[in-house]
């Protein structure tokens, strides 16, 4: 599994006009090729009357899967610029469909490359970019007397407390990157004098801010 990757935050849509041709870019995060294909087919149905529904997607797994289609545009002028927009933004697990309604004026190959690439980039901007980081989920339970200090110390060290529950003890979850697991456990034990219950769970990708 990849330790981290960049993708779009949510679905996004952007419209762009070039010489009366309208380009509509629809972008979505996906987790599999099947999701990508379903998204493409949904957009094809929605824009059934369009001249072209060009697409590209890039998905990580055991290897990187990337596909694109010019959907009737001259070879290399449509789907490839959309894929290149994905790669320039260093995105994974994303699909983009750029729909074109022809405006009556030919754009030529260079014009098509620019229009499809710009439309895809505008769609990405609309969707926003996040970074997914693979983390281990720890569940921690401790006495109430330690919780205030735990909040302060863990936060100061870059850990986010989630799902806090207040019963006989305080329990919460913390997402920890694998290389910091031992440091996290030591920190909790130091805070609670070794009295906390720390359970290591499974791994999942957590959304984080993109480094500027």
Protein backbone atom coordinates (compact mmCIF):
# COMPACT_ATOMS: atom_id res chain seq x y z
CA UNK A 1 0.00 0.00 0.00
CA UNK A 2 1.10 3.56 -0.68
CA UNK A 3 2.09 5.47 2.46
CA UNK A 4 0.38 8.57 1.12
CA UNK A 5 -1.11 10.02 -2.03
CA UNK A 6 -2.85 13.14 -3.30
CA UNK A 7 -6.39 13.10 -4.62
CA UNK A 8 -9.39 15.39 -5.00
CA UNK A 9 -11.36 16.28 -1.88
CA UNK A 10 -14.82 15.89 -3.39
CA UNK A 11 -16.69 16.01 -6.67
CA UNK A 12 -16.20 19.17 -8.68
CA UNK A 13 -17.60 20.75 -11.84
CA UNK A 14 -16.28 23.55 -14.04
CA UNK A 15 -17.40 25.04 -17.36
CA UNK A 16 -15.20 26.63 -19.98
CA UNK A 17 -16.01 28.09 -23.41
CA UNK A 18 -13.64 28.30 -26.37
CA UNK A 19 -14.86 29.65 -29.74
CA UNK A 20 -18.46 28.82 -28.80
CA UNK A 21 -17.61 25.22 -27.89
CA UNK A 22 -18.65 24.51 -24.31
CA UNK A 23 -16.45 22.23 -22.20
CA UNK A 24 -17.89 20.83 -18.96
CA UNK A 25 -15.42 19.13 -16.61
CA UNK A 26 -16.71 16.73 -13.95
CA UNK A 27 -14.23 15.36 -11.43
CA UNK A 28 -14.63 12.77 -8.67
CA UNK A 29 -12.52 10.80 -6.20
CA UNK A 30 -12.72 7.04 -6.72
CA UNK A 31 -11.30 3.97 -5.01
CA UNK A 32 -11.42 1.49 -7.89
CA UNK A 33 -11.56 1.21 -11.66
CA UNK A 34 -15.15 0.01 -11.34
CA UNK A 35 -16.12 3.26 -9.57
CA UNK A 36 -14.37 5.24 -12.29
CA UNK A 37 -16.20 3.42 -15.08
CA UNK A 38 -19.56 3.87 -13.30
CA UNK A 39 -18.90 7.61 -13.00
CA UNK A 40 -18.00 7.84 -16.69
CA UNK A 41 -21.14 5.96 -17.72
CA UNK A 42 -23.30 8.17 -15.51
CA UNK A 43 -21.90 11.30 -17.17
CA UNK A 44 -22.35 9.79 -20.62
CA UNK A 45 -26.03 9.22 -19.81
CA UNK A 46 -26.44 12.72 -18.36
CA UNK A 47 -24.78 14.40 -21.35
CA UNK A 48 -26.14 12.01 -23.98
CA UNK A 49 -26.61 14.85 -26.47
CA UNK A 50 -23.00 16.09 -26.28
CA UNK A 51 -20.58 15.71 -29.16
CA UNK A 52 -17.88 14.16 -26.99
CA UNK A 53 -17.52 12.77 -23.47
CA UNK A 54 -13.76 12.50 -23.04
CA UNK A 55 -12.36 10.89 -19.91
CA UNK A 56 -9.23 9.95 -18.03
CA UNK A 57 -8.57 8.29 -14.69
CA UNK A 58 -5.63 7.26 -12.55
CA UNK A 59 -5.97 4.72 -9.73
CA UNK A 60 -3.45 3.18 -7.34
CA UNK A 61 -3.45 -0.43 -6.21
CA UNK A 62 -0.71 -3.01 -6.54
CA UNK A 63 0.31 -0.81 -9.47
CA UNK A 64 -0.95 2.42 -11.04
CA UNK A 65 -3.85 2.02 -13.47
CA UNK A 66 -4.40 4.88 -15.89
CA UNK A 67 -6.77 5.03 -18.84
CA UNK A 68 -8.07 7.71 -21.17
CA UNK A 69 -10.37 8.08 -24.17
CA UNK A 70 -10.54 10.75 -26.88
CA UNK A 71 -14.17 9.71 -27.60
CA UNK A 72 -14.04 10.63 -31.25
CA UNK A 73 -11.71 13.62 -31.05
CA UNK A 74 -8.44 13.40 -33.03
CA UNK A 75 -6.06 10.96 -31.36
CA UNK A 76 -4.05 12.48 -28.52
CA UNK A 77 -5.93 15.80 -28.44
CA UNK A 78 -8.47 15.14 -25.69
CA UNK A 79 -8.12 12.22 -23.28
CA UNK A 80 -4.34 12.50 -23.05
CA UNK A 81 -4.39 16.21 -22.05
CA UNK A 82 -6.94 15.33 -19.37
CA UNK A 83 -4.68 12.56 -18.07
CA UNK A 84 -1.71 14.93 -18.16
CA UNK A 85 -3.66 17.42 -16.02
CA UNK A 86 -4.15 14.65 -13.45
CA UNK A 87 -0.46 13.77 -13.54
CA UNK A 88 0.68 17.41 -13.31
CA UNK A 89 -1.36 17.77 -10.12
CA UNK A 90 0.19 14.48 -8.90
CA UNK A 91 -3.23 12.96 -8.24
CA UNK A 92 -4.30 9.36 -7.74
CA UNK A 93 -7.72 7.75 -7.35
CA UNK A 94 -9.42 10.35 -9.50
CA UNK A 95 -11.58 10.33 -12.62
CA UNK A 96 -12.35 13.25 -14.92
CA UNK A 97 -14.95 13.45 -17.67
CA UNK A 98 -14.78 16.49 -19.96
CA UNK A 99 -17.92 16.93 -22.04
CA UNK A 100 -17.82 19.01 -25.22
CA UNK A 101 -20.70 20.66 -27.01
CA UNK A 102 -19.34 21.71 -30.40
CA UNK A 103 -19.81 25.40 -31.16
CA UNK A 104 -19.34 25.29 -34.91
CA UNK A 105 -15.71 26.45 -35.10
CA UNK A 106 -12.88 23.96 -35.40
CA UNK A 107 -10.19 24.44 -32.76
CA UNK A 108 -7.42 22.45 -34.44
CA UNK A 109 -5.23 19.96 -32.62
CA UNK A 110 -3.29 22.52 -30.51
CA UNK A 111 -6.54 24.25 -29.58
CA UNK A 112 -8.17 21.00 -28.49
CA UNK A 113 -5.16 20.05 -26.37
CA UNK A 114 -5.27 23.42 -24.61
CA UNK A 115 -9.05 23.39 -24.14
CA UNK A 116 -9.29 19.88 -22.73
CA UNK A 117 -6.25 20.37 -20.50
CA UNK A 118 -7.54 23.70 -19.18
CA UNK A 119 -11.02 22.30 -18.57
CA UNK A 120 -9.61 19.34 -16.64
CA UNK A 121 -7.43 21.62 -14.50
CA UNK A 122 -10.42 23.87 -13.76
CA UNK A 123 -12.38 20.81 -12.64
CA UNK A 124 -9.56 19.77 -10.33
CA UNK A 125 -9.47 23.25 -8.82
CA UNK A 126 -13.23 23.07 -8.25
CA UNK A 127 -12.93 19.71 -6.48
CA UNK A 128 -9.99 20.75 -4.29
CA UNK A 129 -6.91 18.67 -3.44
CA UNK A 130 -6.16 16.74 -0.27
CA UNK A 131 -3.49 14.30 0.83
CA UNK A 132 -4.40 10.82 2.08
CA UNK A 133 -1.97 9.36 4.62
CA UNK A 134 -2.00 5.71 5.66
CA UNK A 135 -2.39 5.54 9.45
CA UNK A 136 -2.90 2.95 12.17
CA UNK A 137 -5.97 3.58 14.33
CA UNK A 138 -5.34 3.30 18.07
CA UNK A 139 -8.08 3.19 20.71
CA UNK A 140 -7.02 4.61 24.07
CA UNK A 141 -8.86 4.42 27.41
CA UNK A 142 -7.71 6.34 30.48
CA UNK A 143 -8.91 7.80 33.77
CA UNK A 144 -10.53 11.22 33.67
CA UNK A 145 -7.69 12.71 35.69
CA UNK A 146 -5.30 12.25 32.75
CA UNK A 147 -7.57 13.37 29.93
CA UNK A 148 -6.92 17.12 30.11
CA UNK A 149 -3.17 16.62 29.99
CA UNK A 150 -3.56 14.04 27.24
CA UNK A 151 -5.51 16.50 25.10
CA UNK A 152 -2.83 19.16 25.44
CA UNK A 153 0.22 16.94 25.03
CA UNK A 154 -1.13 14.85 22.15
CA UNK A 155 -2.33 17.93 20.29
CA UNK A 156 1.01 19.66 20.80
CA UNK A 157 2.70 16.59 19.28
CA UNK A 158 0.49 16.62 16.20
CA UNK A 159 -2.04 13.92 17.14
CA UNK A 160 -5.79 14.44 16.72
CA UNK A 161 -8.15 12.95 19.31
CA UNK A 162 -11.34 11.62 17.71
CA UNK A 163 -14.52 9.85 18.85
CA UNK A 164 -14.12 10.70 22.55
CA UNK A 165 -16.55 8.79 24.79
CA UNK A 166 -17.06 9.48 28.47
CA UNK A 167 -18.17 6.48 30.52
CA UNK A 168 -16.32 4.97 33.48
CA UNK A 169 -13.18 6.07 31.69
CA UNK A 170 -12.47 8.37 28.77
CA UNK A 171 -11.86 6.51 25.51
CA UNK A 172 -10.88 7.94 22.14
CA UNK A 173 -9.19 7.08 18.89
CA UNK A 174 -6.03 8.51 17.36
CA UNK A 175 -4.70 7.99 13.82
CA UNK A 176 -0.93 7.43 13.86
CA UNK A 177 1.45 7.05 10.94
CA UNK A 178 3.26 3.67 11.21
CA UNK A 179 6.71 5.15 11.84
CA UNK A 180 5.42 7.01 14.91
CA UNK A 181 3.55 4.13 16.57
CA UNK A 182 6.19 3.41 19.22
CA UNK A 183 6.59 7.12 20.01
CA UNK A 184 2.82 7.49 20.39
CA UNK A 185 2.54 4.53 22.77
CA UNK A 186 5.42 5.85 24.87
CA UNK A 187 3.84 9.30 25.01
CA UNK A 188 0.49 7.94 26.24
CA UNK A 189 2.21 5.77 28.83
CA UNK A 190 4.24 8.76 30.03
CA UNK A 191 1.09 10.87 30.38
CA UNK A 192 -0.81 8.21 32.32
CA UNK A 193 2.07 6.58 34.23
CA UNK A 194 1.44 3.42 32.26
CA UNK A 195 -2.20 3.09 33.36
CA UNK A 196 -3.87 3.66 29.99
CA UNK A 197 -5.25 0.83 27.88
CA UNK A 198 -3.91 1.14 24.34
CA UNK A 199 -5.35 -1.05 21.58
CA UNK A 200 -3.89 -1.13 18.10
CA UNK A 201 -6.48 -1.42 15.34
CA UNK A 202 -6.39 -1.60 11.58
CA UNK A 203 -5.04 0.83 9.03
CA UNK A 204 -6.92 3.39 6.96
CA UNK A 205 -6.22 6.49 4.90
CA UNK A 206 -6.75 9.78 6.72
CA UNK A 207 -7.33 13.13 5.02
CA UNK A 208 -4.68 15.75 5.67
CA UNK A 209 -3.87 19.17 4.29
CA UNK A 210 -1.74 19.39 1.18
CA UNK A 211 1.79 20.64 1.78
CA UNK A 212 2.30 23.97 0.05
